[in-house]
């Protein structure tokens, strides 16, 4: 099976609003849906990953604070890229307005 790096994404304009406006009971329900998704896809999850926080950007000019739409990551295994993407159809991440998921194939470094 091949490995795929999964990025959970959401528009910056929506993340804070969603966090502020979502009722605690709806947050709890969303977490339960995540737990169910993880259980249902256990055989494909190589690394459940984690939510991600603030970003620092490093360039040849130095280090600066940065913002992006990445909210978390996972690593999954599947027989193909298409099979990996199917794991995320109807995923609980889509509760965030404008939320989307990028599934990137992990390629091997040449020797």
Protein backbone atom coordinates (compact mmCIF):
# COMPACT_ATOMS: atom_id res chain seq x y z
CA UNK A 1 0.00 0.00 0.00
CA UNK A 2 1.12 3.54 -0.74
CA UNK A 3 1.21 6.33 1.83
CA UNK A 4 -0.55 9.67 1.51
CA UNK A 5 -0.08 12.90 3.45
CA UNK A 6 -3.43 14.48 4.28
CA UNK A 7 -3.88 18.18 5.00
CA UNK A 8 -7.09 19.37 6.61
CA UNK A 9 -7.69 22.88 5.28
CA UNK A 10 -10.15 25.71 5.95
CA UNK A 11 -10.35 29.38 5.00
CA UNK A 12 -8.79 31.62 7.65
CA UNK A 13 -11.90 33.79 7.61
CA UNK A 14 -14.05 30.81 8.64
CA UNK A 15 -11.94 29.02 11.25
CA UNK A 16 -12.21 31.58 14.06
CA UNK A 17 -15.85 32.29 13.30
CA UNK A 18 -16.70 28.58 13.32
CA UNK A 19 -14.83 28.01 16.60
CA UNK A 20 -16.60 30.97 18.22
CA UNK A 21 -20.08 30.22 16.87
CA UNK A 22 -20.17 26.44 17.31
CA UNK A 23 -22.00 25.30 20.43
CA UNK A 24 -20.08 23.02 22.84
CA UNK A 25 -22.53 20.18 22.23
CA UNK A 26 -21.98 20.50 18.46
CA UNK A 27 -18.19 20.46 19.00
CA UNK A 28 -18.59 17.30 21.10
CA UNK A 29 -20.73 15.70 18.37
CA UNK A 30 -18.10 16.62 15.79
CA UNK A 31 -15.35 15.00 17.88
CA UNK A 32 -17.49 11.87 18.22
CA UNK A 33 -17.87 11.81 14.42
CA UNK A 34 -14.06 12.09 14.09
CA UNK A 35 -13.67 9.16 16.52
CA UNK A 36 -16.12 7.11 14.46
CA UNK A 37 -14.28 8.01 11.23
CA UNK A 38 -10.96 6.96 12.81
CA UNK A 39 -12.43 3.66 14.02
CA UNK A 40 -14.05 2.94 10.63
CA UNK A 41 -10.76 3.66 8.80
CA UNK A 42 -8.33 2.23 11.38
CA UNK A 43 -6.71 -0.17 8.89
CA UNK A 44 -5.78 2.74 6.60
CA UNK A 45 -4.46 5.17 9.21
CA UNK A 46 -0.66 5.11 9.40
CA UNK A 47 -0.50 8.21 11.62
CA UNK A 48 -3.65 9.95 12.87
CA UNK A 49 -1.69 13.19 13.00
CA UNK A 50 -2.86 16.20 14.98
CA UNK A 51 -4.33 19.67 14.77
CA UNK A 52 -1.77 22.31 13.81
CA UNK A 53 -1.25 25.75 15.34
CA UNK A 54 0.63 28.93 14.51
CA UNK A 55 3.07 29.03 11.61
CA UNK A 56 6.62 30.36 11.36
CA UNK A 57 8.01 30.74 7.84
CA UNK A 58 11.72 30.29 7.23
CA UNK A 59 13.25 31.76 4.06
CA UNK A 60 16.73 32.76 2.97
CA UNK A 61 15.83 36.22 4.33
CA UNK A 62 15.02 34.94 7.81
CA UNK A 63 12.05 33.87 9.92
CA UNK A 64 8.61 35.50 10.06
CA UNK A 65 5.12 34.78 11.32
CA UNK A 66 2.86 33.43 8.60
CA UNK A 67 -0.74 32.34 8.13
CA UNK A 68 -2.14 29.54 6.01
CA UNK A 69 -5.27 27.43 5.76
CA UNK A 70 -3.76 24.22 7.21
CA UNK A 71 -5.62 23.08 10.33
CA UNK A 72 -4.19 19.57 10.77
CA UNK A 73 -2.67 16.51 9.15
CA UNK A 74 -2.82 12.72 8.96
CA UNK A 75 -0.98 10.01 7.05
CA UNK A 76 -3.03 7.23 5.50
CA UNK A 77 -2.26 4.12 3.48
CA UNK A 78 -4.28 2.99 0.49
CA UNK A 79 -3.89 0.97 -2.70
CA UNK A 80 -4.09 4.11 -4.86
CA UNK A 81 -4.44 7.88 -4.72
CA UNK A 82 -8.11 7.54 -5.69
CA UNK A 83 -8.68 4.98 -2.93
CA UNK A 84 -7.05 7.35 -0.43
CA UNK A 85 -9.32 10.22 -1.44
CA UNK A 86 -12.42 8.04 -1.07
CA UNK A 87 -11.59 7.59 2.64
CA UNK A 88 -12.41 11.29 3.13
CA UNK A 89 -15.77 11.51 1.36
CA UNK A 90 -18.26 12.89 3.91
CA UNK A 91 -15.47 13.46 6.48
CA UNK A 92 -16.37 15.39 9.69
CA UNK A 93 -13.83 18.11 8.75
CA UNK A 94 -16.43 19.40 6.30
CA UNK A 95 -18.41 20.81 9.25
CA UNK A 96 -16.12 23.84 8.96
CA UNK A 97 -17.63 26.13 6.30
CA UNK A 98 -15.39 26.05 3.23
CA UNK A 99 -13.32 23.23 4.72
CA UNK A 100 -11.46 20.99 2.31
CA UNK A 101 -8.94 18.16 2.44
CA UNK A 102 -5.83 17.81 0.29
CA UNK A 103 -4.50 14.26 -0.17
CA UNK A 104 -0.88 14.24 -1.36
CA UNK A 105 0.98 11.15 -2.50
CA UNK A 106 4.21 10.51 -0.61
CA UNK A 107 6.98 9.69 -3.02
CA UNK A 108 10.29 8.04 -2.21
CA UNK A 109 13.51 10.00 -2.27
CA UNK A 110 15.95 8.70 -4.88
CA UNK A 111 19.05 7.04 -3.42
